[in-house]
Protein backbone atom coordinates (compact mmCIF):
# COMPACT_ATOMS: atom_id res chain seq x y z
CA UNK A 1 91.28 135.27 99.53
CA UNK A 2 90.61 131.74 100.78
CA UNK A 3 92.14 128.51 99.60
CA UNK A 4 91.57 124.85 100.32
CA UNK A 5 93.09 121.60 99.23
CA UNK A 6 90.57 119.95 96.91
CA UNK A 7 92.15 116.71 95.70
CA UNK A 8 95.14 114.53 96.46
CA UNK A 9 96.20 112.08 93.75
CA UNK A 10 96.95 108.51 94.74
CA UNK A 11 98.64 106.55 91.97
CA UNK A 12 96.95 103.16 91.55
CA UNK A 13 97.48 100.08 89.40
CA UNK A 14 93.83 99.63 88.47
CA UNK A 15 90.78 101.86 88.92
CA UNK A 16 88.29 99.15 89.81
CA UNK A 17 90.44 97.35 92.39
CA UNK A 18 91.23 100.71 94.01
CA UNK A 19 87.53 101.65 94.09
CA UNK A 20 86.74 98.32 95.78
CA UNK A 21 89.36 98.97 98.46
CA UNK A 22 88.34 102.54 99.23
CA UNK A 23 84.58 101.99 99.02
CA UNK A 24 84.18 98.42 100.31
CA UNK A 25 86.97 98.21 102.89
CA UNK A 26 87.31 101.82 104.09
CA UNK A 27 83.67 102.84 103.57
CA UNK A 28 84.47 105.86 101.38
CA UNK A 29 81.95 107.25 98.90
CA UNK A 30 82.52 107.10 95.17
CA UNK A 31 82.03 110.76 94.18
CA UNK A 32 82.93 110.64 90.48
CA UNK A 33 83.80 107.98 87.93
CA UNK A 34 83.77 109.41 84.43
CA UNK A 35 85.62 108.35 81.30
CA UNK A 36 87.73 111.11 79.72
CA UNK A 37 87.94 110.13 76.03
CA UNK A 38 90.41 112.86 75.04
CA UNK A 39 92.96 111.42 77.48
CA UNK A 40 91.73 107.80 77.43
CA UNK A 41 91.49 107.69 81.21
CA UNK A 42 88.92 107.81 83.96
CA UNK A 43 88.39 110.62 86.46
CA UNK A 44 87.76 108.72 89.70
CA UNK A 45 87.24 110.58 92.98
CA UNK A 46 86.54 109.04 96.41
CA UNK A 47 85.95 110.68 99.76
CA UNK A 48 85.37 109.63 103.37
CA UNK A 49 81.63 109.56 104.07
CA UNK A 50 80.52 112.87 105.50
CA UNK A 51 83.96 114.35 104.93
CA UNK A 52 84.37 118.03 104.20
CA UNK A 53 88.09 118.06 103.48
CA UNK A 54 90.18 117.06 100.51
CA UNK A 55 89.09 114.17 98.34
CA UNK A 56 91.24 111.52 96.68
CA UNK A 57 91.73 111.28 92.94
CA UNK A 58 92.54 107.68 92.02
CA UNK A 59 95.05 108.14 89.20
CA UNK A 60 95.96 105.01 87.25
CA UNK A 61 99.67 104.69 86.49
CA UNK A 62 100.20 105.04 82.74
CA UNK A 63 103.96 104.58 82.33
CA UNK A 64 106.91 102.81 83.93
CA UNK A 65 107.92 105.79 86.08
CA UNK A 66 104.41 106.14 87.54
CA UNK A 67 104.12 102.39 88.04
CA UNK A 68 107.20 102.46 90.29
CA UNK A 69 105.37 104.92 92.57
CA UNK A 70 102.31 102.72 93.17
CA UNK A 71 102.30 101.93 96.89
CA UNK A 72 105.33 104.02 97.76
CA UNK A 73 104.48 107.60 96.94
CA UNK A 74 106.34 108.97 99.97
CA UNK A 75 109.30 106.64 100.31
CA UNK A 76 107.81 104.67 103.21
CA UNK A 77 106.56 107.59 105.30
CA UNK A 78 102.95 107.99 106.35
CA UNK A 79 101.27 109.55 103.33
CA UNK A 80 97.72 110.42 104.34
CA UNK A 81 96.02 111.22 107.64
CA UNK A 82 92.41 110.09 108.05
CA UNK A 83 90.74 111.91 110.93
CA UNK A 84 87.77 110.26 112.61
CA UNK A 85 85.36 110.98 115.43
CA UNK A 86 85.03 107.23 116.17
CA UNK A 87 88.51 105.72 116.24
CA UNK A 88 87.59 102.38 117.77
CA UNK A 89 84.56 101.90 115.54
CA UNK A 90 86.60 102.59 112.40
CA UNK A 91 89.59 100.59 113.63
CA UNK A 92 87.49 97.50 114.37
CA UNK A 93 85.52 97.79 111.11
CA UNK A 94 88.75 98.10 109.12
CA UNK A 95 90.18 95.02 110.85
CA UNK A 96 86.99 93.08 110.03
CA UNK A 97 87.33 94.22 106.40
CA UNK A 98 90.90 92.92 106.17
CA UNK A 99 92.75 96.25 106.34
CA UNK A 100 96.30 95.66 107.57
CA UNK A 101 97.52 97.76 110.48
CA UNK A 102 101.29 98.09 110.76
CA UNK A 103 101.31 100.04 114.03
CA UNK A 104 98.93 99.27 116.86
CA UNK A 105 96.67 101.92 118.37
CA UNK A 106 98.43 104.32 120.67
CA UNK A 107 97.40 107.27 122.79
CA UNK A 108 99.44 110.33 121.86
CA UNK A 109 99.16 113.93 123.12
CA UNK A 110 97.32 114.83 119.91
CA UNK A 111 94.89 111.87 120.00
CA UNK A 112 94.49 108.15 119.37
CA UNK A 113 96.39 106.89 116.32
CA UNK A 114 97.19 103.68 114.44
CA UNK A 115 98.92 103.19 111.08
CA UNK A 116 97.43 101.08 108.29
CA UNK A 117 98.40 100.23 104.72
CA UNK A 118 96.23 100.80 101.70
CA UNK A 119 95.94 98.00 99.17
CA UNK A 120 99.24 98.96 97.54
CA UNK A 121 101.28 99.68 100.67
CA UNK A 122 100.92 103.45 101.12
CA UNK A 123 100.84 104.22 104.84
CA UNK A 124 97.94 106.06 106.48
CA UNK A 125 97.40 107.36 109.99
CA UNK A 126 93.92 106.75 111.39
CA UNK A 127 93.59 109.53 113.98
CA UNK A 128 90.97 110.63 116.45
CA UNK A 129 92.23 114.05 117.55
CA UNK A 130 91.77 115.15 121.14
């Protein structure tokens, strides 16, 4: 038996603004964007270009409880880890696109890493492993 992690849900305020952030600022691909009439919602999936790992399901908050989670899904801890083979290229492109880094690049035993915020405040590690 083999298993893999297929999707990770990120709770968002609005589908279209989230798509703009992930596609325009981070350079992700929009994999799916389909309306689900039975649930009156959209199924929106994005993925890093060329990525072979888990994808992100952009899940619009639909009630007060979910709305309180937008931007703070992990209580202020780093939530997602984006691995790259070109740290400095991605880092500089993200800065040019207005992505906010909250921890500067640092060399660690496991690779080069910096922490950025998504459009809602969720924290991400940008990592080039050694």
